[in-house]
Amino acid sequence: MAIALVTGGSRGIGRATALLLAQEGY
């Protein structure tokens, strides 16, 4: 699921999610 969210990194929320996951260690 994380991969799907990161895939939408181009969008604002996707980017925020990617950063959040990165902090969590995912």
PDB file of N, CA and C in Angstrom:
ATOM      1  N   MET A   1       0.845  -1.200   0.000  1.00  0.00           N
ATOM      2  CA  MET A   1       0.000   0.000   0.000  1.00  0.00           C
ATOM      3  C   MET A   1       0.880   1.249   0.000  1.00  0.00           C
ATOM      4  N   ALA A   2       1.963   1.223   0.746  1.00  0.00           N
ATOM      5  CA  ALA A   2       2.855   2.379   0.823  1.00  0.00           C
ATOM      6  C   ALA A   2       3.351   2.754  -0.564  1.00  0.00           C
ATOM      7  N   ILE A   3       3.656   1.736  -1.377  1.00  0.00           N
ATOM      8  CA  ILE A   3       4.168   1.995  -2.724  1.00  0.00           C
ATOM      9  C   ILE A   3       3.154   2.776  -3.535  1.00  0.00           C
ATOM     10  N   ALA A   4       1.874   2.421  -3.395  1.00  0.00           N
ATOM     11  CA  ALA A   4       0.819   3.100  -4.150  1.00  0.00           C
ATOM     12  C   ALA A   4       0.771   4.572  -3.753  1.00  0.00           C
ATOM     13  N   LEU A   5       0.928   4.843  -2.455  1.00  0.00           N
ATOM     14  CA  LEU A   5       0.881   6.231  -1.983  1.00  0.00           C
ATOM     15  C   LEU A   5       2.077   7.003  -2.518  1.00  0.00           C
ATOM     16  N   VAL A   6       3.244   6.391  -2.472  1.00  0.00           N
ATOM     17  CA  VAL A   6       4.462   7.047  -2.948  1.00  0.00           C
ATOM     18  C   VAL A   6       4.368   7.320  -4.445  1.00  0.00           C
ATOM     19  N   THR A   7       3.656   6.436  -5.162  1.00  0.00           N
ATOM     20  CA  THR A   7       3.522   6.604  -6.606  1.00  0.00           C
ATOM     21  C   THR A   7       2.880   7.943  -6.922  1.00  0.00           C
ATOM     22  N   GLY A   8       1.978   8.409  -6.042  1.00  0.00           N
ATOM     23  CA  GLY A   8       1.313   9.687  -6.273  1.00  0.00           C
ATOM     24  C   GLY A   8       2.098  10.827  -5.640  1.00  0.00           C
ATOM     25  N   GLY A   9       3.411  10.662  -5.496  1.00  0.00           N
ATOM     26  CA  GLY A   9       4.244  11.694  -4.896  1.00  0.00           C
ATOM     27  C   GLY A   9       4.169  13.016  -5.641  1.00  0.00           C
ATOM     28  N   SER A  10       3.788  12.958  -6.914  1.00  0.00           N
ATOM     29  CA  SER A  10       3.698  14.183  -7.702  1.00  0.00           C
ATOM     30  C   SER A  10       2.669  15.135  -7.099  1.00  0.00           C
ATOM     31  N   ARG A  11       1.674  14.560  -6.420  1.00  0.00           N
ATOM     32  CA  ARG A  11       0.630  15.417  -5.800  1.00  0.00           C
ATOM     33  C   ARG A  11       1.078  15.855  -4.411  1.00  0.00           C
ATOM     34  N   GLY A  12       0.465  16.887  -3.891  1.00  0.00           N
ATOM     35  CA  GLY A  12       0.846  17.415  -2.571  1.00  0.00           C
ATOM     36  C   GLY A  12       0.686  16.385  -1.475  1.00  0.00           C
ATOM     37  N   ILE A  13      -0.502  15.767  -1.388  1.00  0.00           N
ATOM     38  CA  ILE A  13      -0.749  14.798  -0.303  1.00  0.00           C
ATOM     39  C   ILE A  13       0.143  13.568  -0.458  1.00  0.00           C
ATOM     40  N   GLY A  14       0.343  13.140  -1.688  1.00  0.00           N
ATOM     41  CA  GLY A  14       1.191  11.966  -1.909  1.00  0.00           C
ATOM     42  C   GLY A  14       2.605  12.248  -1.428  1.00  0.00           C
ATOM     43  N   ARG A  15       3.043  13.488  -1.679  1.00  0.00           N
ATOM     44  CA  ARG A  15       4.399  13.872  -1.273  1.00  0.00           C
ATOM     45  C   ARG A  15       4.491  13.867   0.253  1.00  0.00           C
ATOM     46  N   ALA A  16       3.497  14.451   0.909  1.00  0.00           N
ATOM     47  CA  ALA A  16       3.485  14.507   2.376  1.00  0.00           C
ATOM     48  C   ALA A  16       3.484  13.089   2.944  1.00  0.00           C
ATOM     49  N   THR A  17       2.708  12.210   2.314  1.00  0.00           N
ATOM     50  CA  THR A  17       2.632  10.823   2.782  1.00  0.00           C
ATOM     51  C   THR A  17       3.989  10.142   2.625  1.00  0.00           C
ATOM     52  N   ALA A  18       4.648  10.400   1.505  1.00  0.00           N
ATOM     53  CA  ALA A  18       5.954   9.790   1.250  1.00  0.00           C
ATOM     54  C   ALA A  18       6.944  10.233   2.324  1.00  0.00           C
ATOM     55  N   LEU A  19       6.913  11.517   2.658  1.00  0.00           N
ATOM     56  CA  LEU A  19       7.823  12.031   3.682  1.00  0.00           C
ATOM     57  C   LEU A  19       7.492  11.403   5.029  1.00  0.00           C
ATOM     58  N   LEU A  20       6.207  11.282   5.323  1.00  0.00           N
ATOM     59  CA  LEU A  20       5.776  10.703   6.601  1.00  0.00           C
ATOM     60  C   LEU A  20       6.258   9.254   6.694  1.00  0.00           C
ATOM     61  N   LEU A  21       6.058   8.500   5.618  1.00  0.00           N
ATOM     62  CA  LEU A  21       6.473   7.092   5.608  1.00  0.00           C
ATOM     63  C   LEU A  21       7.989   7.009   5.744  1.00  0.00           C
ATOM     64  N   ALA A  22       8.685   7.935   5.107  1.00  0.00           N
ATOM     65  CA  ALA A  22      10.148   7.931   5.167  1.00  0.00           C
ATOM     66  C   ALA A  22      10.602   8.113   6.614  1.00  0.00           C
ATOM     67  N   GLN A  23       9.910   8.979   7.347  1.00  0.00           N
ATOM     68  CA  GLN A  23      10.269   9.211   8.745  1.00  0.00           C
ATOM     69  C   GLN A  23       9.974   7.966   9.581  1.00  0.00           C
ATOM     70  N   GLU A  24       8.892   7.271   9.233  1.00  0.00           N
ATOM     71  CA  GLU A  24       8.512   6.066   9.977  1.00  0.00           C
ATOM     72  C   GLU A  24       9.474   4.919   9.702  1.00  0.00           C
ATOM     73  N   GLY A  25      10.159   4.994   8.551  1.00  0.00           N
ATOM     74  CA  GLY A  25      11.118   3.948   8.217  1.00  0.00           C
ATOM     75  C   GLY A  25      10.611   3.045   7.106  1.00  0.00           C
ATOM     76  N   TYR A  26       9.475   3.399   6.514  1.00  0.00           N
ATOM     77  CA  TYR A  26       8.943   2.591   5.419  1.00  0.00           C
ATOM     78  C   TYR A  26       9.592   3.022   4.119  1.00  0.00           C
TER      79      TYR A  26
END
